[in-house]
Amino acid sequence: MANTRELIEQALKLPPGARAALAGALLESLDASVDEDATQAWEKEIVRRVRELDDGSVKPIPWNEARRIIAG
């Protein structure tokens, strides 16, 4: 358990990009199977959202404002 705690402390000292890459790799290691239906559904959703941004039907908001809205 001490090794895990030390590893976490070291990981938290990494620059943001490295922490994000580490987090992604750890999450991927937990999900060994790929749900093709979910993957296709997400791809369609991404295309839809990009189209809405491109055609102006939705307006992006800055992360600070989105975080404030999420936090309530």
N, C-alpha and C. Protein backbone atom coordinates (compact mmCIF):
# COMPACT_ATOMS: atom_id res chain seq x y z
N MET A 1 0.82 -1.20 0.00
CA MET A 1 0.00 0.00 0.00
C MET A 1 0.86 1.26 0.00
N ALA A 2 1.99 1.22 0.71
CA ALA A 2 2.89 2.37 0.73
C ALA A 2 3.44 2.64 -0.66
N ASN A 3 3.75 1.57 -1.41
CA ASN A 3 4.26 1.75 -2.77
C ASN A 3 3.23 2.43 -3.65
N THR A 4 1.96 2.06 -3.48
CA THR A 4 0.89 2.68 -4.27
C THR A 4 0.79 4.16 -3.93
N ARG A 5 0.85 4.48 -2.66
CA ARG A 5 0.75 5.88 -2.23
C ARG A 5 1.93 6.68 -2.80
N GLU A 6 3.13 6.11 -2.75
CA GLU A 6 4.30 6.79 -3.29
C GLU A 6 4.17 6.99 -4.79
N LEU A 7 3.66 5.99 -5.47
CA LEU A 7 3.47 6.08 -6.92
C LEU A 7 2.48 7.20 -7.26
N ILE A 8 1.41 7.27 -6.51
CA ILE A 8 0.41 8.33 -6.74
C ILE A 8 1.03 9.70 -6.50
N GLU A 9 1.78 9.83 -5.42
CA GLU A 9 2.43 11.11 -5.11
C GLU A 9 3.38 11.52 -6.24
N GLN A 10 4.13 10.56 -6.77
CA GLN A 10 5.04 10.85 -7.87
C GLN A 10 4.28 11.24 -9.13
N ALA A 11 3.20 10.52 -9.39
CA ALA A 11 2.40 10.82 -10.58
C ALA A 11 1.80 12.22 -10.51
N LEU A 12 1.39 12.64 -9.33
CA LEU A 12 0.80 13.97 -9.17
C LEU A 12 1.81 15.10 -9.38
N LYS A 13 3.08 14.78 -9.34
CA LYS A 13 4.13 15.78 -9.58
C LYS A 13 4.43 15.94 -11.07
N LEU A 14 3.89 15.07 -11.91
CA LEU A 14 4.12 15.15 -13.35
C LEU A 14 3.42 16.37 -13.93
N PRO A 15 3.91 16.88 -15.07
CA PRO A 15 3.20 17.97 -15.75
C PRO A 15 1.82 17.50 -16.21
N PRO A 16 0.89 18.44 -16.38
CA PRO A 16 -0.49 18.07 -16.74
C PRO A 16 -0.61 17.11 -17.92
N GLY A 17 0.14 17.34 -18.98
CA GLY A 17 0.04 16.47 -20.15
C GLY A 17 0.46 15.04 -19.84
N ALA A 18 1.51 14.91 -19.05
CA ALA A 18 1.98 13.57 -18.67
C ALA A 18 0.98 12.89 -17.75
N ARG A 19 0.37 13.64 -16.84
CA ARG A 19 -0.67 13.06 -15.96
C ARG A 19 -1.85 12.59 -16.78
N ALA A 20 -2.24 13.38 -17.79
CA ALA A 20 -3.37 12.99 -18.65
C ALA A 20 -3.05 11.72 -19.42
N ALA A 21 -1.84 11.63 -19.95
CA ALA A 21 -1.44 10.43 -20.69
C ALA A 21 -1.43 9.22 -19.78
N LEU A 22 -0.92 9.40 -18.56
CA LEU A 22 -0.89 8.30 -17.59
C LEU A 22 -2.31 7.87 -17.23
N ALA A 23 -3.18 8.83 -16.98
CA ALA A 23 -4.57 8.51 -16.64
C ALA A 23 -5.24 7.75 -17.78
N GLY A 24 -5.02 8.19 -19.00
CA GLY A 24 -5.60 7.51 -20.15
C GLY A 24 -5.11 6.08 -20.27
N ALA A 25 -3.81 5.91 -20.09
CA ALA A 25 -3.24 4.56 -20.18
C ALA A 25 -3.80 3.65 -19.10
N LEU A 26 -3.95 4.19 -17.89
CA LEU A 26 -4.50 3.38 -16.80
C LEU A 26 -5.96 3.01 -17.07
N LEU A 27 -6.74 3.96 -17.56
CA LEU A 27 -8.14 3.66 -17.87
C LEU A 27 -8.26 2.62 -18.97
N GLU A 28 -7.44 2.76 -19.99
CA GLU A 28 -7.48 1.78 -21.09
C GLU A 28 -7.11 0.39 -20.60
N SER A 29 -6.22 0.32 -19.62
CA SER A 29 -5.80 -0.99 -19.11
C SER A 29 -6.93 -1.70 -18.36
N LEU A 30 -7.93 -0.95 -17.91
CA LEU A 30 -9.05 -1.55 -17.18
C LEU A 30 -10.12 -2.09 -18.11
N ASP A 31 -10.18 -1.59 -19.33
CA ASP A 31 -11.22 -1.97 -20.27
C ASP A 31 -10.60 -2.78 -21.40
N ALA A 32 -10.50 -4.08 -21.18
CA ALA A 32 -9.85 -4.94 -22.16
C ALA A 32 -10.72 -5.19 -23.40
N SER A 33 -12.03 -5.14 -23.25
CA SER A 33 -12.90 -5.42 -24.38
C SER A 33 -13.39 -4.11 -25.01
N VAL A 34 -13.66 -4.18 -26.30
CA VAL A 34 -14.16 -3.02 -27.03
C VAL A 34 -15.58 -3.31 -27.46
N ASP A 35 -16.48 -2.42 -27.10
CA ASP A 35 -17.87 -2.53 -27.50
C ASP A 35 -18.03 -1.81 -28.84
N GLU A 36 -18.06 -2.57 -29.92
CA GLU A 36 -18.12 -1.98 -31.26
C GLU A 36 -19.36 -1.10 -31.44
N ASP A 37 -20.49 -1.50 -30.88
CA ASP A 37 -21.70 -0.69 -31.00
C ASP A 37 -21.51 0.66 -30.32
N ALA A 38 -20.90 0.64 -29.15
CA ALA A 38 -20.65 1.89 -28.43
C ALA A 38 -19.66 2.75 -29.19
N THR A 39 -18.64 2.13 -29.75
CA THR A 39 -17.64 2.88 -30.52
C THR A 39 -18.29 3.55 -31.71
N GLN A 40 -19.12 2.84 -32.44
CA GLN A 40 -19.82 3.42 -33.59
C GLN A 40 -20.77 4.52 -33.16
N ALA A 41 -21.46 4.32 -32.06
CA ALA A 41 -22.38 5.35 -31.57
C ALA A 41 -21.62 6.62 -31.19
N TRP A 42 -20.47 6.48 -30.54
CA TRP A 42 -19.67 7.65 -30.18
C TRP A 42 -19.13 8.34 -31.42
N GLU A 43 -18.72 7.57 -32.42
CA GLU A 43 -18.23 8.19 -33.65
C GLU A 43 -19.32 9.02 -34.32
N LYS A 44 -20.54 8.51 -34.36
CA LYS A 44 -21.66 9.26 -34.92
C LYS A 44 -21.94 10.52 -34.11
N GLU A 45 -21.87 10.39 -32.79
CA GLU A 45 -22.12 11.53 -31.90
C GLU A 45 -21.06 12.61 -32.10
N ILE A 46 -19.83 12.20 -32.24
CA ILE A 46 -18.74 13.16 -32.46
C ILE A 46 -18.95 13.91 -33.77
N VAL A 47 -19.30 13.18 -34.82
CA VAL A 47 -19.54 13.80 -36.13
C VAL A 47 -20.70 14.80 -36.01
N ARG A 48 -21.76 14.41 -35.31
CA ARG A 48 -22.91 15.31 -35.13
C ARG A 48 -22.51 16.58 -34.39
N ARG A 49 -21.74 16.43 -33.33
CA ARG A 49 -21.34 17.60 -32.54
C ARG A 49 -20.41 18.52 -33.31
N VAL A 50 -19.50 17.96 -34.07
CA VAL A 50 -18.60 18.79 -34.87
C VAL A 50 -19.40 19.53 -35.93
N ARG A 51 -20.36 18.85 -36.56
CA ARG A 51 -21.21 19.48 -37.57
C ARG A 51 -21.96 20.66 -36.95
N GLU A 52 -22.51 20.48 -35.75
CA GLU A 52 -23.24 21.57 -35.08
C GLU A 52 -22.32 22.76 -34.79
N LEU A 53 -21.09 22.48 -34.40
CA LEU A 53 -20.14 23.58 -34.18
C LEU A 53 -19.82 24.28 -35.49
N ASP A 54 -19.60 23.50 -36.55
CA ASP A 54 -19.25 24.06 -37.85
C ASP A 54 -20.37 24.89 -38.45
N ASP A 55 -21.62 24.42 -38.30
CA ASP A 55 -22.72 25.17 -38.92
C ASP A 55 -23.28 26.26 -38.01
N GLY A 56 -22.73 26.37 -36.80
CA GLY A 56 -23.12 27.46 -35.90
C GLY A 56 -24.40 27.22 -35.14
N SER A 57 -24.96 26.01 -35.22
CA SER A 57 -26.22 25.77 -34.50
C SER A 57 -26.01 25.63 -33.00
N VAL A 58 -24.78 25.42 -32.58
CA VAL A 58 -24.44 25.47 -31.15
C VAL A 58 -23.24 26.38 -30.99
N LYS A 59 -23.17 27.02 -29.83
CA LYS A 59 -22.07 27.93 -29.57
C LYS A 59 -21.25 27.38 -28.41
N PRO A 60 -19.96 27.19 -28.61
CA PRO A 60 -19.13 26.70 -27.51
C PRO A 60 -18.99 27.77 -26.43
N ILE A 61 -18.77 27.32 -25.20
CA ILE A 61 -18.53 28.25 -24.11
C ILE A 61 -17.17 27.95 -23.49
N PRO A 62 -16.55 28.95 -22.90
CA PRO A 62 -15.24 28.73 -22.29
C PRO A 62 -15.33 27.72 -21.13
N TRP A 63 -14.24 26.99 -20.91
CA TRP A 63 -14.21 25.97 -19.86
C TRP A 63 -14.54 26.57 -18.50
N ASN A 64 -14.06 27.76 -18.20
CA ASN A 64 -14.36 28.38 -16.89
C ASN A 64 -15.87 28.51 -16.68
N GLU A 65 -16.57 28.91 -17.73
CA GLU A 65 -18.03 29.06 -17.61
C GLU A 65 -18.70 27.70 -17.51
N ALA A 66 -18.25 26.74 -18.29
CA ALA A 66 -18.83 25.39 -18.22
C ALA A 66 -18.63 24.79 -16.83
N ARG A 67 -17.44 24.96 -16.27
CA ARG A 67 -17.16 24.45 -14.93
C ARG A 67 -18.07 25.10 -13.90
N ARG A 68 -18.30 26.40 -14.04
CA ARG A 68 -19.19 27.13 -13.11
C ARG A 68 -20.62 26.58 -13.22
N ILE A 69 -21.07 26.32 -14.44
CA ILE A 69 -22.43 25.79 -14.64
C ILE A 69 -22.54 24.39 -14.04
N ILE A 70 -21.53 23.57 -14.27
CA ILE A 70 -21.55 22.19 -13.75
C ILE A 70 -21.56 22.19 -12.24
N ALA A 71 -20.75 23.07 -11.64
CA ALA A 71 -20.66 23.13 -10.18
C ALA A 71 -21.93 23.68 -9.54
N GLY A 72 -22.74 24.37 -10.35
CA GLY A 72 -24.01 24.90 -9.84
C GLY A 72 -23.80 26.18 -9.16
